[in-house]
């Protein structure tokens, strides 16, 4: 299957350069110059990965990232000329998967694109049910039910809405019920081996999950903190 990449970049020369080099690697590429077109095209084409500039006419890249992360779990790599740590944190907390500061080498960008796409392929395999084990389609864990075929999660019989990355993290934790999972392991398996957001990202997403599936998020019994290590999911 040919993977599709959406390039969102207002600088014409860079947009054409990115398109040329990505197509040379065998990807199918669509390119737009502003945030509004990015949101529209992403909804129409459902790309496998998005390269997203921050400084865009119309809505900026951060807002585009926030909007798209509600609708897709495709990796988002932010491209920006600003090397401010605050900007990086903002982008990553909004759901970006990686961050590259201009100027960057094309070799590094292509390596990061390949790494993110490979991570998504492996994650899909991890989350997909085995063909010979239909019980993996539906995980029943007390008052929590995960239907991976429908990508639906029920808590106490009620359908709960999850952002794509929250869903991926919860399913991964549930598939490893009873095991202590370090923050580094969660970062590597759910976000990708070269993710630069740090363990804070895991903690933030766990807090969000607890707010949705714990009776008392301040005293969790489902996603338990293992001090100094990471987390353990309890059935």
C-alpha atoms as a PDB file:
ATOM      1  CA  UNK A   1       0.000   0.000   0.000  1.00  0.00           C
ATOM      2  CA  UNK A   2       1.346   3.428  -0.950  1.00  0.00           C
ATOM      3  CA  UNK A   3       1.350   5.702   2.079  1.00  0.00           C
ATOM      4  CA  UNK A   4      -0.095   9.185   1.704  1.00  0.00           C
ATOM      5  CA  UNK A   5       1.539  12.275   3.201  1.00  0.00           C
ATOM      6  CA  UNK A   6       0.008  15.721   3.570  1.00  0.00           C
ATOM      7  CA  UNK A   7       2.501  18.614   3.444  1.00  0.00           C
ATOM      8  CA  UNK A   8       1.300  21.908   4.969  1.00  0.00           C
ATOM      9  CA  UNK A   9       3.859  24.620   4.203  1.00  0.00           C
ATOM     10  CA  UNK A  10       3.371  28.202   3.010  1.00  0.00           C
ATOM     11  CA  UNK A  11       6.907  28.651   1.637  1.00  0.00           C
ATOM     12  CA  UNK A  12       6.630  27.645  -2.007  1.00  0.00           C
ATOM     13  CA  UNK A  13      10.223  26.506  -2.502  1.00  0.00           C
ATOM     14  CA  UNK A  14      10.234  24.366   0.644  1.00  0.00           C
ATOM     15  CA  UNK A  15       6.797  22.948  -0.145  1.00  0.00           C
ATOM     16  CA  UNK A  16       7.946  21.876  -3.596  1.00  0.00           C
ATOM     17  CA  UNK A  17      11.224  20.514  -2.228  1.00  0.00           C
ATOM     18  CA  UNK A  18       9.438  18.420   0.379  1.00  0.00           C
ATOM     19  CA  UNK A  19       6.958  17.146  -2.182  1.00  0.00           C
ATOM     20  CA  UNK A  20       9.708  16.186  -4.629  1.00  0.00           C
ATOM     21  CA  UNK A  21      11.813  14.319  -2.051  1.00  0.00           C
ATOM     22  CA  UNK A  22       8.863  12.485  -0.519  1.00  0.00           C
ATOM     23  CA  UNK A  23       7.526  11.401  -3.908  1.00  0.00           C
ATOM     24  CA  UNK A  24      11.034  10.225  -4.780  1.00  0.00           C
ATOM     25  CA  UNK A  25      10.775   7.892  -1.752  1.00  0.00           C
ATOM     26  CA  UNK A  26       7.563   6.419  -3.147  1.00  0.00           C
ATOM     27  CA  UNK A  27       5.013   8.296  -1.053  1.00  0.00           C
ATOM     28  CA  UNK A  28       1.827   9.824  -2.448  1.00  0.00           C
ATOM     29  CA  UNK A  29       1.967  13.521  -1.545  1.00  0.00           C
ATOM     30  CA  UNK A  30      -0.631  16.289  -1.328  1.00  0.00           C
ATOM     31  CA  UNK A  31       0.525  19.806  -0.481  1.00  0.00           C
ATOM     32  CA  UNK A  32      -1.298  22.932   0.702  1.00  0.00           C
ATOM     33  CA  UNK A  33      -0.174  26.402   1.785  1.00  0.00           C
ATOM     34  CA  UNK A  34      -2.560  27.323   4.611  1.00  0.00           C
ATOM     35  CA  UNK A  35      -4.275  25.904   7.653  1.00  0.00           C
ATOM     36  CA  UNK A  36      -7.829  25.989   6.363  1.00  0.00           C
ATOM     37  CA  UNK A  37      -6.938  23.925   3.293  1.00  0.00           C
ATOM     38  CA  UNK A  38      -4.962  21.549   5.525  1.00  0.00           C
ATOM     39  CA  UNK A  39      -8.001  20.747   7.660  1.00  0.00           C
ATOM     40  CA  UNK A  40     -10.232  20.290   4.618  1.00  0.00           C
ATOM     41  CA  UNK A  41      -7.807  18.076   2.714  1.00  0.00           C
ATOM     42  CA  UNK A  42      -6.949  15.969   5.762  1.00  0.00           C
ATOM     43  CA  UNK A  43     -10.644  15.220   6.236  1.00  0.00           C
ATOM     44  CA  UNK A  44     -11.017  14.300   2.559  1.00  0.00           C
ATOM     45  CA  UNK A  45      -7.874  12.211   2.072  1.00  0.00           C
ATOM     46  CA  UNK A  46      -7.165  10.771   5.536  1.00  0.00           C
ATOM     47  CA  UNK A  47      -3.353  10.902   5.120  1.00  0.00           C
ATOM     48  CA  UNK A  48      -1.020   8.456   6.841  1.00  0.00           C
ATOM     49  CA  UNK A  49       1.251  11.277   8.041  1.00  0.00           C
ATOM     50  CA  UNK A  50       1.137  15.090   8.164  1.00  0.00           C
ATOM     51  CA  UNK A  51       4.067  17.510   7.888  1.00  0.00           C
ATOM     52  CA  UNK A  52       2.799  20.726   9.428  1.00  0.00           C
ATOM     53  CA  UNK A  53       4.399  24.168   9.418  1.00  0.00           C
ATOM     54  CA  UNK A  54       3.567  26.369  12.430  1.00  0.00           C
ATOM     55  CA  UNK A  55       3.628  29.839  10.849  1.00  0.00           C
ATOM     56  CA  UNK A  56       0.736  29.651   8.390  1.00  0.00           C
ATOM     57  CA  UNK A  57      -1.670  32.204   6.932  1.00  0.00           C
ATOM     58  CA  UNK A  58      -5.159  31.904   8.379  1.00  0.00           C
ATOM     59  CA  UNK A  59      -5.240  29.479  11.293  1.00  0.00           C
ATOM     60  CA  UNK A  60      -1.733  28.640  12.499  1.00  0.00           C
ATOM     61  CA  UNK A  61      -0.156  25.223  12.719  1.00  0.00           C
ATOM     62  CA  UNK A  62      -0.863  24.779  16.420  1.00  0.00           C
ATOM     63  CA  UNK A  63      -4.586  25.267  15.863  1.00  0.00           C
ATOM     64  CA  UNK A  64      -4.491  22.955  12.846  1.00  0.00           C
ATOM     65  CA  UNK A  65      -2.747  20.345  15.003  1.00  0.00           C
ATOM     66  CA  UNK A  66      -5.408  20.676  17.710  1.00  0.00           C
ATOM     67  CA  UNK A  67      -8.230  20.272  15.181  1.00  0.00           C
ATOM     68  CA  UNK A  68      -6.681  17.328  13.348  1.00  0.00           C
ATOM     69  CA  UNK A  69      -5.769  15.469  16.507  1.00  0.00           C
ATOM     70  CA  UNK A  70      -9.477  15.272  17.348  1.00  0.00           C
ATOM     71  CA  UNK A  71     -10.120  13.500  14.046  1.00  0.00           C
ATOM     72  CA  UNK A  72      -7.074  11.406  13.148  1.00  0.00           C
ATOM     73  CA  UNK A  73      -4.340   9.378  14.783  1.00  0.00           C
ATOM     74  CA  UNK A  74      -1.988   9.928  11.829  1.00  0.00           C
ATOM     75  CA  UNK A  75       1.465  11.078  12.980  1.00  0.00           C
ATOM     76  CA  UNK A  76       1.937  14.847  12.873  1.00  0.00           C
ATOM     77  CA  UNK A  77       5.455  16.242  12.493  1.00  0.00           C
ATOM     78  CA  UNK A  78       5.630  19.969  13.183  1.00  0.00           C
ATOM     79  CA  UNK A  79       8.039  22.104  11.137  1.00  0.00           C
ATOM     80  CA  UNK A  80       8.970  25.561  12.394  1.00  0.00           C
ATOM     81  CA  UNK A  81      11.664  28.214  12.292  1.00  0.00           C
ATOM     82  CA  UNK A  82      11.164  28.895  15.995  1.00  0.00           C
ATOM     83  CA  UNK A  83      13.510  27.033  18.332  1.00  0.00           C
ATOM     84  CA  UNK A  84      11.696  27.970  21.536  1.00  0.00           C
ATOM     85  CA  UNK A  85      11.229  25.115  24.008  1.00  0.00           C
ATOM     86  CA  UNK A  86       7.801  26.488  24.952  1.00  0.00           C
ATOM     87  CA  UNK A  87       6.671  26.181  21.337  1.00  0.00           C
ATOM     88  CA  UNK A  88       7.868  22.589  21.253  1.00  0.00           C
ATOM     89  CA  UNK A  89       5.984  21.733  24.428  1.00  0.00           C
ATOM     90  CA  UNK A  90       2.816  23.421  23.127  1.00  0.00           C
ATOM     91  CA  UNK A  91       2.961  21.491  19.863  1.00  0.00           C
ATOM     92  CA  UNK A  92       3.609  18.161  21.533  1.00  0.00           C
ATOM     93  CA  UNK A  93       0.912  18.684  24.151  1.00  0.00           C
ATOM     94  CA  UNK A  94      -1.554  19.487  21.359  1.00  0.00           C
ATOM     95  CA  UNK A  95      -0.860  16.041  19.951  1.00  0.00           C
ATOM     96  CA  UNK A  96       2.088  16.406  17.575  1.00  0.00           C
ATOM     97  CA  UNK A  97       4.265  13.298  17.351  1.00  0.00           C
ATOM     98  CA  UNK A  98       7.556  14.959  16.453  1.00  0.00           C
ATOM     99  CA  UNK A  99       9.120  18.380  15.989  1.00  0.00           C
ATOM    100  CA  UNK A 100      11.746  19.638  13.532  1.00  0.00           C
ATOM    101  CA  UNK A 101      13.306  23.096  13.644  1.00  0.00           C
ATOM    102  CA  UNK A 102      14.226  24.831  10.387  1.00  0.00           C
ATOM    103  CA  UNK A 103      16.672  24.613   8.786  1.00  0.00           C
ATOM    104  CA  UNK A 104      16.758  20.818   8.830  1.00  0.00           C
ATOM    105  CA  UNK A 105      18.432  18.291   6.582  1.00  0.00           C
ATOM    106  CA  UNK A 106      16.232  16.377   4.178  1.00  0.00           C
ATOM    107  CA  UNK A 107      17.919  13.170   5.301  1.00  0.00           C
ATOM    108  CA  UNK A 108      16.833  13.752   8.906  1.00  0.00           C
ATOM    109  CA  UNK A 109      13.287  14.613   7.878  1.00  0.00           C
ATOM    110  CA  UNK A 110      12.960  11.490   5.731  1.00  0.00           C
ATOM    111  CA  UNK A 111      14.337   9.366   8.573  1.00  0.00           C
ATOM    112  CA  UNK A 112      11.765  10.776  10.973  1.00  0.00           C
ATOM    113  CA  UNK A 113       8.962  10.271   8.464  1.00  0.00           C
ATOM    114  CA  UNK A 114       9.973   6.643   7.994  1.00  0.00           C
ATOM    115  CA  UNK A 115      10.240   6.104  11.752  1.00  0.00           C
ATOM    116  CA  UNK A 116       6.766   7.516  12.415  1.00  0.00           C
ATOM    117  CA  UNK A 117       5.165   5.497   9.636  1.00  0.00           C
ATOM    118  CA  UNK A 118       6.922   2.342  10.830  1.00  0.00           C
ATOM    119  CA  UNK A 119       5.711   2.996  14.369  1.00  0.00           C
ATOM    120  CA  UNK A 120       2.127   3.321  13.152  1.00  0.00           C
ATOM    121  CA  UNK A 121       2.353   0.070  11.198  1.00  0.00           C
ATOM    122  CA  UNK A 122       3.664  -1.772  14.268  1.00  0.00           C
ATOM    123  CA  UNK A 123       1.057  -0.180  16.503  1.00  0.00           C
ATOM    124  CA  UNK A 124      -1.755  -1.198  14.165  1.00  0.00           C
ATOM    125  CA  UNK A 125      -0.479  -4.768  14.312  1.00  0.00           C
ATOM    126  CA  UNK A 126      -0.307  -4.581  18.103  1.00  0.00           C
ATOM    127  CA  UNK A 127      -3.842  -3.236  18.430  1.00  0.00           C
ATOM    128  CA  UNK A 128      -5.419  -5.389  15.730  1.00  0.00           C
ATOM    129  CA  UNK A 129      -7.156  -8.603  16.774  1.00  0.00           C
ATOM    130  CA  UNK A 130      -5.578 -11.918  15.807  1.00  0.00           C
ATOM    131  CA  UNK A 131      -7.417 -13.599  12.950  1.00  0.00           C
ATOM    132  CA  UNK A 132      -7.587 -16.821  14.928  1.00  0.00           C
ATOM    133  CA  UNK A 133      -8.653 -15.163  18.189  1.00  0.00           C
ATOM    134  CA  UNK A 134     -11.885 -13.224  17.813  1.00  0.00           C
ATOM    135  CA  UNK A 135     -12.041 -12.644  21.572  1.00  0.00           C
ATOM    136  CA  UNK A 136      -9.360  -9.985  21.123  1.00  0.00           C
ATOM    137  CA  UNK A 137     -11.941  -7.880  19.275  1.00  0.00           C
ATOM    138  CA  UNK A 138     -13.618  -7.173  22.590  1.00  0.00           C
ATOM    139  CA  UNK A 139     -11.850  -6.804  25.916  1.00  0.00           C
ATOM    140  CA  UNK A 140     -14.189  -6.970  28.906  1.00  0.00           C
ATOM    141  CA  UNK A 141     -12.525  -5.689  32.052  1.00  0.00           C
ATOM    142  CA  UNK A 142     -15.218  -5.316  34.671  1.00  0.00           C
ATOM    143  CA  UNK A 143     -17.121  -2.099  34.044  1.00  0.00           C
ATOM    144  CA  UNK A 144     -14.792  -1.251  31.150  1.00  0.00           C
ATOM    145  CA  UNK A 145     -15.309  -2.752  27.674  1.00  0.00           C
ATOM    146  CA  UNK A 146     -12.962  -2.095  24.748  1.00  0.00           C
ATOM    147  CA  UNK A 147     -14.257  -2.982  21.291  1.00  0.00           C
ATOM    148  CA  UNK A 148     -11.164  -2.724  19.104  1.00  0.00           C
ATOM    149  CA  UNK A 149     -13.020  -3.692  15.943  1.00  0.00           C
ATOM    150  CA  UNK A 150     -15.407  -0.756  16.311  1.00  0.00           C
ATOM    151  CA  UNK A 151     -12.809   1.405  18.073  1.00  0.00           C
ATOM    152  CA  UNK A 152     -15.355   1.995  20.826  1.00  0.00           C
ATOM    153  CA  UNK A 153     -14.907   2.078  24.585  1.00  0.00           C
ATOM    154  CA  UNK A 154     -17.742   1.617  27.065  1.00  0.00           C
ATOM    155  CA  UNK A 155     -17.509   2.500  30.734  1.00  0.00           C
ATOM    156  CA  UNK A 156     -20.439   1.376  32.887  1.00  0.00           C
ATOM    157  CA  UNK A 157     -22.397   0.772  29.702  1.00  0.00           C
ATOM    158  CA  UNK A 158     -21.892   4.297  28.395  1.00  0.00           C
ATOM    159  CA  UNK A 159     -19.932   5.106  25.252  1.00  0.00           C
ATOM    160  CA  UNK A 160     -16.942   7.306  26.153  1.00  0.00           C
ATOM    161  CA  UNK A 161     -15.188   9.577  23.680  1.00  0.00           C
ATOM    162  CA  UNK A 162     -11.397   9.350  23.474  1.00  0.00           C
ATOM    163  CA  UNK A 163      -8.812  11.239  21.448  1.00  0.00           C
ATOM    164  CA  UNK A 164      -6.835   8.942  19.106  1.00  0.00           C
ATOM    165  CA  UNK A 165      -3.700   8.879  21.261  1.00  0.00           C
ATOM    166  CA  UNK A 166      -5.727   8.320  24.434  1.00  0.00           C
ATOM    167  CA  UNK A 167      -7.408   5.366  22.739  1.00  0.00           C
ATOM    168  CA  UNK A 168      -4.091   3.870  21.634  1.00  0.00           C
ATOM    169  CA  UNK A 169      -2.605   4.227  25.107  1.00  0.00           C
ATOM    170  CA  UNK A 170      -5.641   2.712  26.836  1.00  0.00           C
ATOM    171  CA  UNK A 171      -5.801  -0.288  24.506  1.00  0.00           C
ATOM    172  CA  UNK A 172      -2.061  -0.849  24.910  1.00  0.00           C
ATOM    173  CA  UNK A 173      -2.358  -0.734  28.711  1.00  0.00           C
ATOM    174  CA  UNK A 174      -5.367  -3.059  28.662  1.00  0.00           C
ATOM    175  CA  UNK A 175      -3.581  -5.544  26.412  1.00  0.00           C
ATOM    176  CA  UNK A 176      -0.829  -5.691  29.044  1.00  0.00           C
ATOM    177  CA  UNK A 177      -3.064  -5.958  32.107  1.00  0.00           C
ATOM    178  CA  UNK A 178      -1.129  -6.646  35.313  1.00  0.00           C
ATOM    179  CA  UNK A 179       2.268  -5.784  33.835  1.00  0.00           C
ATOM    180  CA  UNK A 180       4.341  -2.873  35.057  1.00  0.00           C
ATOM    181  CA  UNK A 181       5.061  -0.672  32.037  1.00  0.00           C
ATOM    182  CA  UNK A 182       7.736   1.992  32.276  1.00  0.00           C
ATOM    183  CA  UNK A 183       7.186   5.455  30.878  1.00  0.00           C
ATOM    184  CA  UNK A 184      10.016   4.872  28.421  1.00  0.00           C
ATOM    185  CA  UNK A 185       8.381   1.670  27.191  1.00  0.00           C
ATOM    186  CA  UNK A 186       5.052   3.442  26.717  1.00  0.00           C
ATOM    187  CA  UNK A 187       6.749   6.287  24.874  1.00  0.00           C
ATOM    188  CA  UNK A 188       8.548   3.853  22.586  1.00  0.00           C
ATOM    189  CA  UNK A 189       5.586   1.594  21.818  1.00  0.00           C
ATOM    190  CA  UNK A 190       2.746   4.130  21.668  1.00  0.00           C
ATOM    191  CA  UNK A 191       4.474   7.344  20.589  1.00  0.00           C
ATOM    192  CA  UNK A 192       7.576   6.030  18.805  1.00  0.00           C
ATOM    193  CA  UNK A 193      11.191   5.329  19.690  1.00  0.00           C
ATOM    194  CA  UNK A 194      12.424   8.823  18.770  1.00  0.00           C
ATOM    195  CA  UNK A 195       9.585  10.799  20.344  1.00  0.00           C
ATOM    196  CA  UNK A 196      10.995  13.961  21.908  1.00  0.00           C
ATOM    197  CA  UNK A 197       8.127  14.948  24.208  1.00  0.00           C
ATOM    198  CA  UNK A 198       9.473  13.160  27.285  1.00  0.00           C
ATOM    199  CA  UNK A 199       7.723  11.202  30.031  1.00  0.00           C
ATOM    200  CA  UNK A 200       5.533  14.169  30.921  1.00  0.00           C
ATOM    201  CA  UNK A 201       3.471  13.331  27.843  1.00  0.00           C
ATOM    202  CA  UNK A 202       2.679   9.869  29.244  1.00  0.00           C
ATOM    203  CA  UNK A 203       1.710  11.329  32.620  1.00  0.00           C
ATOM    204  CA  UNK A 204      -0.613  13.880  31.000  1.00  0.00           C
ATOM    205  CA  UNK A 205      -2.382  11.240  28.913  1.00  0.00           C
ATOM    206  CA  UNK A 206      -2.722   8.926  31.915  1.00  0.00           C
ATOM    207  CA  UNK A 207      -4.311  11.784  33.849  1.00  0.00           C
ATOM    208  CA  UNK A 208      -6.803  12.301  31.018  1.00  0.00           C
ATOM    209  CA  UNK A 209      -7.620   8.583  30.943  1.00  0.00           C
ATOM    210  CA  UNK A 210      -8.166   8.506  34.695  1.00  0.00           C
ATOM    211  CA  UNK A 211     -10.640  11.364  34.425  1.00  0.00           C
ATOM    212  CA  UNK A 212     -12.709   9.209  32.066  1.00  0.00           C
ATOM    213  CA  UNK A 213     -12.524   5.685  33.516  1.00  0.00           C
ATOM    214  CA  UNK A 214     -11.798   6.042  37.239  1.00  0.00           C
ATOM    215  CA  UNK A 215     -14.417   6.455  39.976  1.00  0.00           C
ATOM    216  CA  UNK A 216     -11.998   8.759  41.795  1.00  0.00           C
ATOM    217  CA  UNK A 217      -9.260  10.042  39.437  1.00  0.00           C
ATOM    218  CA  UNK A 218      -7.270  11.323  42.427  1.00  0.00           C
ATOM    219  CA  UNK A 219      -7.139   7.795  43.872  1.00  0.00           C
ATOM    220  CA  UNK A 220      -7.005   5.529  40.814  1.00  0.00           C
ATOM    221  CA  UNK A 221      -7.567   1.808  41.025  1.00  0.00           C
ATOM    222  CA  UNK A 222      -7.594   1.020  37.280  1.00  0.00           C
ATOM    223  CA  UNK A 223      -4.385   2.705  36.072  1.00  0.00           C
ATOM    224  CA  UNK A 224      -2.062   2.440  39.047  1.00  0.00           C
ATOM    225  CA  UNK A 225       1.155   4.407  39.419  1.00  0.00           C
ATOM    226  CA  UNK A 226       4.225   2.304  40.168  1.00  0.00           C
ATOM    227  CA  UNK A 227       6.454   4.836  41.835  1.00  0.00           C
ATOM    228  CA  UNK A 228       9.751   5.446  40.101  1.00  0.00           C
ATOM    229  CA  UNK A 229       8.857   3.151  37.192  1.00  0.00           C
ATOM    230  CA  UNK A 230       5.600   3.827  35.377  1.00  0.00           C
ATOM    231  CA  UNK A 231       2.086   2.363  35.405  1.00  0.00           C
ATOM    232  CA  UNK A 232       0.198  -0.907  35.791  1.00  0.00           C
ATOM    233  CA  UNK A 233      -3.289  -1.524  34.401  1.00  0.00           C
ATOM    234  CA  UNK A 234      -5.652  -3.479  36.654  1.00  0.00           C
ATOM    235  CA  UNK A 235      -8.661  -5.412  35.359  1.00  0.00           C
END
